Amino acid sequence: MRQEILNRFLRYVQIDTQSDENSKTFPSTQKQFDLANLLVKELNEIGLTDVEVDKYGYVTATLPSNIEKDIPVIGFLAHMDTAPDMSGTKVRPQIFENYNGEDITLNKELNVHLLLKDFPELKDYKGQTLITTSGNTLLGADDKAGIAEIITAMEYLIKNPEIKHGTIKIAFTPDEEVGRGVDHFDLTKFDADYAYTVDGGPIGELEYENFNAAGIAIQIQGRNIHPGSAKGRMINAILVAAELNDMLPIEQRPELTENYEGFFHIIRFMGTVETAEIHYIIRDHDREKFEQKKDLIKNVVKLINQKYNQEVAKYKLEDQYYNMREKIEPVYHIVEQAKQAMIELGITPVIKPIRGGTDGARLSYMDLPCPNIFTGGHNYHGKHEFIPLESMEKAIQVILKIIEKSTT
């Protein structure tokens, strides 16, 4: 199983599936079909049924039950796309076997390193096999590790038919990273009673609550006048944008928050004297505080317009997803099932809120309860991303143990 998971993962991460938040198509990039079509081929080869990729890029398949009693249908999901803000082109993973516990040079020419002082968790993996980037792209463990783990677990069950299990549904989705991962997902067709996304971080992570999330784009219309005669007439859109940003609470930025603390995160700025545009994501686990944050930024826009006595700023705000805790708590036994699976495998469960979101959050609000379990990866979305091979093996074991426990 070790070589199978490694080979799959290395094969998948070298396929560029970067999504595009500015695209109006679904999926947002056609290149996501490159991985989708490969997965369909592999799922058919290992012996799953009902294998297909639909026009939206959703890959689905079924492992039929081999047990007579009626038990719930479990789903496992992972996403195919990688983050839009970091290149997924020409990913060249590096393998460090029997890692020595010291600093790692990822790219000597670019002076990119994994340093213990910056990433002290590295010491936990001394003696293990680490898979890293080459220092100039992301790796793609988010979430190609999840895909590889799910498929390897299914292949193991098919090769070992004496292991009893109910019907298992699997799905691989596009565009999770741009918040659209389940926009067209057919839950009726998927037909699972509950599911797990395999989309978490380090070994042991188990999550059933996440941020409430919104995005806001603010357009600012300035007035460009020759600087020699600008007094009293110029409105510099760049400075207005900076002024607006300064009106938001500094302590509520992501780099200054943790755990259940929410934030305003400026993710993009484009501007000239004449026009500027700023984009934020707004996050909070608490629904009331989330609504307060949205009201605050709307009021800031209002104050800017009052100051300049005209509509210099306009906004478009959209909710993206909500905290799945509300939907998971009534069926908390599915969290306990995953927790006990980890404990029985000698893994310490790390139950904590997701400081982000998953497809599972939206699926939970679509009446498919869907907590999240670890893949084993660290430092997602950047050139310092890495994953221990041993953690991937443990993720497979957890998937198999959850399936085993569902039959008892």
Protein backbone atom coordinates (compact mmCIF):
# COMPACT_ATOMS: atom_id res chain seq x y z
CA MET A 1 0.00 0.00 0.00
CA ARG A 2 2.94 2.34 0.67
CA GLN A 3 4.20 2.26 -2.90
CA GLU A 4 0.70 2.53 -4.34
CA ILE A 5 -0.12 5.70 -2.42
CA LEU A 6 3.24 7.24 -3.28
CA ASN A 7 2.94 6.49 -6.99
CA ARG A 8 -0.61 7.83 -7.15
CA PHE A 9 0.20 11.00 -5.31
CA LEU A 10 3.27 11.78 -7.41
CA ARG A 11 1.27 11.15 -10.58
CA TYR A 12 -1.62 13.40 -9.56
CA VAL A 13 0.36 16.39 -8.32
CA GLN A 14 2.16 16.73 -11.64
CA ILE A 15 -1.15 17.41 -13.40
CA ASP A 16 -1.94 21.13 -13.33
CA THR A 17 -5.46 21.64 -11.94
CA GLN A 18 -5.18 25.22 -10.68
CA SER A 19 -8.65 26.82 -10.47
CA ASP A 20 -9.46 30.40 -11.44
CA GLU A 21 -11.68 32.54 -9.26
CA ASN A 22 -12.21 35.06 -12.08
CA SER A 23 -13.52 32.50 -14.54
CA LYS A 24 -17.23 32.37 -15.32
CA THR A 25 -17.18 28.74 -16.46
CA PHE A 26 -17.72 25.58 -14.42
CA PRO A 27 -15.31 24.12 -13.76
CA SER A 28 -13.36 27.34 -13.73
CA THR A 29 -10.50 25.76 -15.72
CA GLN A 30 -10.84 23.05 -18.33
CA LYS A 31 -7.50 21.55 -17.30
CA GLN A 32 -9.21 20.08 -14.25
CA PHE A 33 -10.69 17.55 -16.67
CA ASP A 34 -7.15 16.27 -17.28
CA LEU A 35 -7.08 14.83 -13.78
CA ALA A 36 -10.77 13.93 -13.81
CA ASN A 37 -10.39 11.78 -16.91
CA LEU A 38 -7.33 10.05 -15.49
CA LEU A 39 -9.22 9.27 -12.28
CA VAL A 40 -12.10 7.77 -14.23
CA LYS A 41 -9.65 5.47 -16.00
CA GLU A 42 -8.03 4.39 -12.73
CA LEU A 43 -11.32 3.87 -10.89
CA ASN A 44 -12.53 1.61 -13.66
CA GLU A 45 -9.24 -0.29 -13.61
CA ILE A 46 -9.42 -1.04 -9.88
CA GLY A 47 -12.99 -2.32 -10.22
CA LEU A 48 -15.38 0.33 -8.90
CA THR A 49 -18.84 0.62 -10.45
CA ASP A 50 -20.93 3.56 -11.73
CA VAL A 51 -17.73 5.40 -12.62
CA GLU A 52 -18.21 8.63 -14.52
CA VAL A 53 -17.21 12.24 -14.94
CA ASP A 54 -20.12 14.55 -15.76
CA LYS A 55 -20.16 17.78 -17.77
CA TYR A 56 -19.31 19.79 -14.65
CA GLY A 57 -16.19 17.78 -13.89
CA TYR A 58 -17.53 15.75 -10.96
CA VAL A 59 -15.98 12.29 -10.75
CA THR A 60 -18.16 9.75 -8.94
CA ALA A 61 -18.01 6.03 -8.32
CA THR A 62 -19.45 3.30 -6.11
CA LEU A 63 -18.07 0.36 -4.19
CA PRO A 64 -21.10 -1.94 -3.77
CA SER A 65 -21.87 -3.49 -0.40
CA ASN A 66 -20.65 -7.01 0.32
CA ILE A 67 -22.69 -7.38 3.49
CA GLU A 68 -26.30 -8.50 3.80
CA LYS A 69 -27.50 -6.27 6.62
CA ASP A 70 -28.79 -2.79 5.93
CA ILE A 71 -26.26 -0.19 7.04
CA PRO A 72 -25.80 3.50 6.15
CA VAL A 73 -24.16 4.45 2.88
CA ILE A 74 -20.92 6.37 3.53
CA GLY A 75 -19.35 8.87 1.16
CA PHE A 76 -15.75 10.05 0.88
CA LEU A 77 -14.87 13.20 -1.04
CA ALA A 78 -11.79 15.17 -2.03
CA HIS A 79 -11.21 18.01 -4.47
CA MET A 80 -9.12 18.03 -7.62
CA ASP A 81 -8.23 21.70 -7.97
CA THR A 82 -5.32 23.54 -6.41
CA ALA A 83 -5.26 27.09 -5.09
CA PRO A 84 -5.65 29.91 -7.63
CA ASP A 85 -3.04 32.14 -5.98
CA MET A 86 -0.02 29.83 -6.36
CA SER A 87 1.22 28.11 -9.49
CA GLY A 88 0.26 24.48 -10.02
CA THR A 89 2.21 24.27 -13.27
CA LYS A 90 5.30 22.08 -13.53
CA VAL A 91 5.05 20.71 -9.99
CA ARG A 92 8.20 18.72 -9.38
CA PRO A 93 7.93 16.96 -6.01
CA GLN A 94 11.04 16.02 -4.08
CA ILE A 95 11.31 12.98 -1.80
CA PHE A 96 13.44 12.99 1.35
CA GLU A 97 13.63 9.45 2.70
CA ASN A 98 14.64 8.86 6.31
CA TYR A 99 14.47 12.60 6.95
CA ASN A 100 17.30 13.64 9.27
CA GLY A 101 15.35 16.21 11.29
CA GLU A 102 17.35 19.17 9.99
CA ASP A 103 16.68 22.15 7.71
CA ILE A 104 15.76 21.23 4.13
CA THR A 105 16.88 23.13 1.05
CA LEU A 106 14.04 23.11 -1.43
CA ASN A 107 15.63 25.27 -4.08
CA LYS A 108 19.21 26.44 -3.76
CA GLU A 109 19.02 28.83 -6.72
CA LEU A 110 15.91 30.57 -5.37
CA ASN A 111 17.13 30.37 -1.76
CA VAL A 112 14.00 28.56 -0.59
CA HIS A 113 14.29 26.40 2.53
CA LEU A 114 12.19 24.55 5.06
CA LEU A 115 13.76 25.84 8.26
CA LEU A 116 13.14 24.34 11.67
CA LYS A 117 12.91 27.79 13.21
CA ASP A 118 9.99 28.58 10.92
CA PHE A 119 8.43 25.12 10.81
CA PRO A 120 9.25 23.40 14.14
CA GLU A 121 6.74 20.63 13.38
CA LEU A 122 9.37 19.17 11.04
CA LYS A 123 11.12 17.59 14.00
CA ASP A 124 8.07 15.37 14.55
CA TYR A 125 8.83 13.59 11.29
CA LYS A 126 12.46 12.67 11.78
CA GLY A 127 13.12 9.27 10.22
CA GLN A 128 10.05 9.47 7.97
CA THR A 129 9.72 10.07 4.23
CA LEU A 130 8.85 13.68 3.39
CA ILE A 131 7.45 14.80 0.05
CA THR A 132 8.08 18.48 -0.66
CA THR A 133 7.88 21.06 -3.42
CA SER A 134 10.83 22.09 -5.54
CA GLY A 135 10.59 25.58 -4.07
CA ASN A 136 8.82 27.38 -6.89
CA THR A 137 5.26 25.95 -6.92
CA LEU A 138 2.85 24.49 -4.43
CA LEU A 139 2.81 20.72 -3.98
CA GLY A 140 -0.90 19.99 -4.31
CA ALA A 141 -1.41 17.79 -1.26
CA ASP A 142 -4.48 19.98 -0.85
CA ASP A 143 -6.21 17.90 -1.99
CA LYS A 144 -4.57 15.39 -4.28
CA ALA A 145 -3.36 13.60 -1.17
CA GLY A 146 -7.01 13.08 -0.23
CA ILE A 147 -7.79 11.71 -3.68
CA ALA A 148 -4.86 9.29 -3.57
CA GLU A 149 -5.80 8.14 -0.06
CA ILE A 150 -9.43 7.48 -0.92
CA ILE A 151 -8.62 5.56 -4.10
CA THR A 152 -5.93 3.49 -2.39
CA ALA A 153 -8.37 2.60 0.40
CA MET A 154 -10.98 1.51 -2.16
CA GLU A 155 -8.43 -0.60 -4.02
CA TYR A 156 -7.45 -2.28 -0.75
CA LEU A 157 -11.07 -3.24 -0.05
CA ILE A 158 -11.51 -4.61 -3.56
CA LYS A 159 -8.34 -6.71 -3.23
CA ASN A 160 -9.45 -7.98 0.19
CA PRO A 161 -13.11 -8.98 -0.28
CA GLU A 162 -13.15 -10.74 3.09
CA ILE A 163 -13.34 -7.28 4.69
CA LYS A 164 -17.05 -6.57 5.11
CA HIS A 165 -18.43 -3.16 4.22
CA GLY A 166 -21.59 -1.43 3.16
CA THR A 167 -22.07 0.63 0.02
CA ILE A 168 -19.42 3.31 -0.30
CA LYS A 169 -19.72 6.35 -2.53
CA ILE A 170 -16.76 8.45 -3.59
CA ALA A 171 -16.61 11.82 -5.35
CA PHE A 172 -13.87 14.13 -6.53
CA THR A 173 -14.92 17.72 -7.07
CA PRO A 174 -13.54 20.69 -9.02
CA ASP A 175 -13.28 24.30 -7.87
CA GLU A 176 -13.29 23.81 -4.09
CA GLU A 177 -10.52 26.37 -3.76
CA VAL A 178 -12.67 29.09 -5.32
CA GLY A 179 -15.71 28.24 -3.19
CA ARG A 180 -17.79 26.62 -5.95
CA GLY A 181 -16.96 22.98 -5.38
CA VAL A 182 -20.52 21.72 -4.96
CA ASP A 183 -22.44 24.30 -7.00
CA HIS A 184 -23.72 21.58 -9.35
CA PHE A 185 -23.22 18.48 -7.22
CA ASP A 186 -26.10 16.01 -7.53
CA LEU A 187 -26.79 14.81 -3.99
CA THR A 188 -29.71 12.65 -5.06
CA LYS A 189 -27.49 10.76 -7.44
CA PHE A 190 -24.66 10.50 -4.89
CA ASP A 191 -27.17 9.05 -2.44
CA ALA A 192 -25.05 8.75 0.72
CA ASP A 193 -26.39 9.00 4.27
CA TYR A 194 -23.35 10.88 5.48
CA ALA A 195 -19.84 11.53 4.24
CA TYR A 196 -16.33 12.70 5.09
CA THR A 197 -14.15 15.08 3.16
CA VAL A 198 -10.53 13.97 3.25
CA ASP A 199 -9.17 17.49 3.06
CA GLY A 200 -7.55 18.28 6.41
CA GLY A 201 -3.98 19.01 7.40
CA PRO A 202 -1.56 17.22 9.73
CA ILE A 203 -2.16 13.73 11.08
CA GLY A 204 -5.02 13.50 13.58
CA GLU A 205 -7.05 16.48 12.40
CA LEU A 206 -10.79 15.96 12.71
CA GLU A 207 -13.07 18.89 12.11
CA TYR A 208 -16.80 19.46 12.18
CA GLU A 209 -16.98 23.24 12.43
CA ASN A 210 -15.65 25.91 10.13
CA PHE A 211 -15.85 29.59 9.38
CA ASN A 212 -18.90 31.38 8.13
CA ALA A 213 -17.54 33.01 5.00
CA ALA A 214 -18.26 35.93 2.72
CA GLY A 215 -16.40 37.82 0.02
CA ILE A 216 -16.65 41.51 -0.79
CA ALA A 217 -15.35 43.45 -3.77
CA ILE A 218 -15.21 47.23 -3.44
CA GLN A 219 -14.84 49.50 -6.46
CA ILE A 220 -13.59 53.04 -5.90
CA GLN A 221 -14.05 55.81 -8.44
CA GLY A 222 -11.53 58.60 -8.06
CA ARG A 223 -10.99 61.80 -9.99
CA ASN A 224 -7.71 62.22 -11.79
CA ILE A 225 -6.60 65.83 -12.18
CA HIS A 226 -3.19 67.07 -13.29
CA PRO A 227 -1.17 67.26 -10.05
CA GLY A 228 -0.21 70.83 -10.83
CA SER A 229 -3.82 71.95 -10.45
CA ALA A 230 -5.24 69.15 -8.29
CA LYS A 231 -5.87 71.04 -5.05
CA GLY A 232 -9.44 70.61 -3.88
CA ARG A 233 -10.40 68.63 -6.96
CA MET A 234 -8.38 65.40 -7.16
CA ILE A 235 -9.71 62.26 -5.49
CA ASN A 236 -6.93 59.68 -5.48
CA ALA A 237 -8.60 56.27 -5.60
CA ILE A 238 -5.46 54.58 -4.26
CA LEU A 239 -5.51 56.76 -1.15
CA VAL A 240 -9.25 56.29 -0.69
CA ALA A 241 -8.71 52.51 -0.76
CA ALA A 242 -5.94 52.81 1.81
CA GLU A 243 -8.17 55.01 3.96
CA LEU A 244 -10.99 52.50 3.78
CA ASN A 245 -8.68 49.64 4.73
CA ASP A 246 -7.35 51.61 7.71
CA MET A 247 -10.91 51.95 9.06
CA LEU A 248 -11.11 48.17 9.58
CA PRO A 249 -9.87 46.81 12.92
CA ILE A 250 -6.17 45.98 12.72
CA GLU A 251 -6.45 43.22 15.33
CA GLN A 252 -8.93 41.40 13.10
CA ARG A 253 -6.45 40.48 10.41
CA PRO A 254 -5.61 36.80 9.79
CA GLU A 255 -1.98 37.20 10.78
CA LEU A 256 -3.12 38.37 14.24
CA THR A 257 -5.90 35.84 14.89
CA GLU A 258 -6.21 32.16 15.79
CA ASN A 259 -8.65 29.47 16.94
CA TYR A 260 -12.18 30.92 16.92
CA GLU A 261 -11.14 34.49 16.13
CA GLY A 262 -12.51 35.83 12.86
CA PHE A 263 -10.93 38.28 10.47
CA PHE A 264 -11.05 40.64 7.49
CA HIS A 265 -8.44 39.57 4.95
CA ILE A 266 -7.51 41.82 2.06
CA ILE A 267 -6.63 39.45 -0.76
CA ARG A 268 -6.29 41.72 -3.77
CA PHE A 269 -5.67 45.39 -4.58
CA MET A 270 -5.57 46.98 -8.01
CA GLY A 271 -5.46 50.70 -8.42
CA THR A 272 -4.63 53.93 -10.17
CA VAL A 273 -5.46 57.50 -9.25
CA GLU A 274 -8.65 57.23 -11.31
CA THR A 275 -9.97 53.82 -10.15
CA ALA A 276 -9.16 51.19 -7.58
CA GLU A 277 -10.56 47.82 -6.57
CA ILE A 278 -10.04 45.93 -3.32
CA HIS A 279 -11.21 42.44 -2.43
CA TYR A 280 -11.67 41.01 1.05
CA ILE A 281 -12.73 37.72 2.50
CA ILE A 282 -14.65 37.91 5.78
CA ARG A 283 -14.57 35.03 8.25
CA ASP A 284 -15.99 34.15 11.68
CA HIS A 285 -17.11 30.93 13.35
CA ASP A 286 -19.83 32.74 15.30
CA ARG A 287 -22.79 33.59 13.06
CA GLU A 288 -23.70 36.76 14.98
CA LYS A 289 -20.13 38.09 14.84
CA PHE A 290 -20.01 37.16 11.17
CA GLU A 291 -23.05 39.31 10.46
CA GLN A 292 -21.53 42.13 12.51
CA LYS A 293 -18.37 42.00 10.40
CA LYS A 294 -20.40 42.27 7.21
CA ASP A 295 -22.32 45.23 8.63
CA LEU A 296 -19.07 46.91 9.69
CA ILE A 297 -17.48 46.82 6.26
CA LYS A 298 -20.71 48.04 4.64
CA ASN A 299 -20.79 50.93 7.11
CA VAL A 300 -17.17 51.77 6.33
CA VAL A 301 -18.10 52.10 2.67
CA LYS A 302 -21.00 54.32 3.69
CA LEU A 303 -18.73 56.56 5.78
CA ILE A 304 -16.28 56.95 2.90
CA ASN A 305 -19.11 58.10 0.64
CA GLN A 306 -20.35 60.52 3.28
CA LYS A 307 -16.89 62.01 3.65
CA TYR A 308 -16.52 62.68 -0.07
CA ASN A 309 -20.17 63.67 -0.40
CA GLN A 310 -20.63 61.35 -3.36
CA GLU A 311 -20.66 57.64 -4.19
CA VAL A 312 -16.95 57.06 -4.66
CA ALA A 313 -17.20 53.48 -3.33
CA LYS A 314 -19.52 50.67 -4.34
CA TYR A 315 -19.46 47.11 -3.08
CA LYS A 316 -20.67 43.64 -3.97
CA LEU A 317 -20.88 41.23 -1.03
CA GLU A 318 -21.67 37.54 -1.30
CA ASP A 319 -21.95 34.84 1.34
CA GLN A 320 -19.84 31.82 0.44
CA TYR A 321 -20.54 29.14 3.05
CA TYR A 322 -21.61 28.69 6.67
CA ASN A 323 -20.41 26.86 9.77
CA MET A 324 -21.35 23.20 9.40
CA ARG A 325 -21.42 22.62 13.18
CA GLU A 326 -25.14 23.35 13.27
CA LYS A 327 -25.76 20.48 10.84
CA ILE A 328 -23.24 18.02 12.30
CA GLU A 329 -24.21 18.20 15.98
CA PRO A 330 -27.54 16.35 15.51
CA VAL A 331 -25.57 13.42 14.02
CA TYR A 332 -22.45 13.76 16.16
CA HIS A 333 -21.98 9.99 16.15
CA ILE A 334 -20.28 10.32 12.75
CA VAL A 335 -17.62 12.51 14.38
CA GLU A 336 -17.29 10.00 17.23
CA GLN A 337 -16.92 7.22 14.68
CA ALA A 338 -13.93 8.94 13.10
CA LYS A 339 -12.51 9.85 16.50
CA GLN A 340 -12.65 6.26 17.73
CA ALA A 341 -11.17 5.02 14.46
CA MET A 342 -8.13 7.21 15.06
CA ILE A 343 -7.79 6.20 18.70
CA GLU A 344 -7.88 2.50 17.76
CA LEU A 345 -5.08 3.15 15.27
CA GLY A 346 -2.93 4.89 17.87
CA ILE A 347 -3.57 8.36 16.42
CA THR A 348 -4.36 11.22 18.77
CA PRO A 349 -7.47 12.99 17.41
CA VAL A 350 -7.02 16.74 17.08
CA ILE A 351 -10.55 18.11 17.06
CA LYS A 352 -10.49 21.78 16.24
CA PRO A 353 -12.34 24.35 14.14
CA ILE A 354 -11.33 24.73 10.52
CA ARG A 355 -9.95 28.18 9.90
CA GLY A 356 -11.29 27.97 6.41
CA GLY A 357 -13.91 25.90 4.65
CA THR A 358 -14.39 22.66 2.79
CA ASP A 359 -16.89 21.24 0.35
CA GLY A 360 -18.21 19.46 3.43
CA ALA A 361 -19.46 22.72 4.91
CA ARG A 362 -21.75 23.37 1.98
CA LEU A 363 -22.71 19.71 1.64
CA SER A 364 -23.77 19.71 5.29
CA TYR A 365 -26.17 22.56 4.53
CA MET A 366 -27.44 20.53 1.59
CA ASP A 367 -28.39 17.83 4.13
CA LEU A 368 -25.36 15.58 3.67
CA PRO A 369 -23.54 15.77 7.05
CA CYS A 370 -19.87 15.86 6.16
CA PRO A 371 -17.06 16.37 8.71
CA ASN A 372 -13.45 16.58 7.61
CA ILE A 373 -10.49 14.28 8.30
CA PHE A 374 -6.77 14.76 7.77
CA THR A 375 -4.67 14.06 4.70
CA GLY A 376 -1.36 14.62 6.52
CA GLY A 377 -0.23 17.74 4.67
CA HIS A 378 1.39 20.92 5.99
CA ASN A 379 1.69 24.52 4.73
CA TYR A 380 -0.95 24.28 2.03
CA HIS A 381 -1.10 26.75 -0.87
CA GLY A 382 2.58 27.62 -0.92
CA LYS A 383 6.10 26.61 -1.86
CA HIS A 384 6.79 25.33 1.69
CA GLU A 385 4.10 22.67 1.44
CA PHE A 386 5.08 19.14 2.43
CA ILE A 387 3.51 15.85 3.44
CA PRO A 388 4.94 12.81 5.25
CA LEU A 389 4.28 9.57 3.42
CA GLU A 390 3.60 7.85 6.76
CA SER A 391 0.77 10.31 7.47
CA MET A 392 -0.81 9.44 4.14
CA GLU A 393 -0.67 5.76 5.07
CA LYS A 394 -2.38 6.58 8.37
CA ALA A 395 -5.12 8.48 6.54
CA ILE A 396 -5.84 5.37 4.47
CA GLN A 397 -6.02 3.30 7.64
CA VAL A 398 -8.48 5.77 9.17
CA ILE A 399 -10.73 5.57 6.11
CA LEU A 400 -10.70 1.77 6.32
CA LYS A 401 -11.32 1.81 10.07
CA ILE A 402 -14.30 4.18 9.69
CA ILE A 403 -15.76 1.80 7.12
CA GLU A 404 -15.15 -1.15 9.43
CA LYS A 405 -16.80 0.59 12.38
CA SER A 406 -19.85 1.50 10.30
CA THR A 407 -20.70 -2.20 10.00
CA THR A 408 -20.87 -2.84 13.76
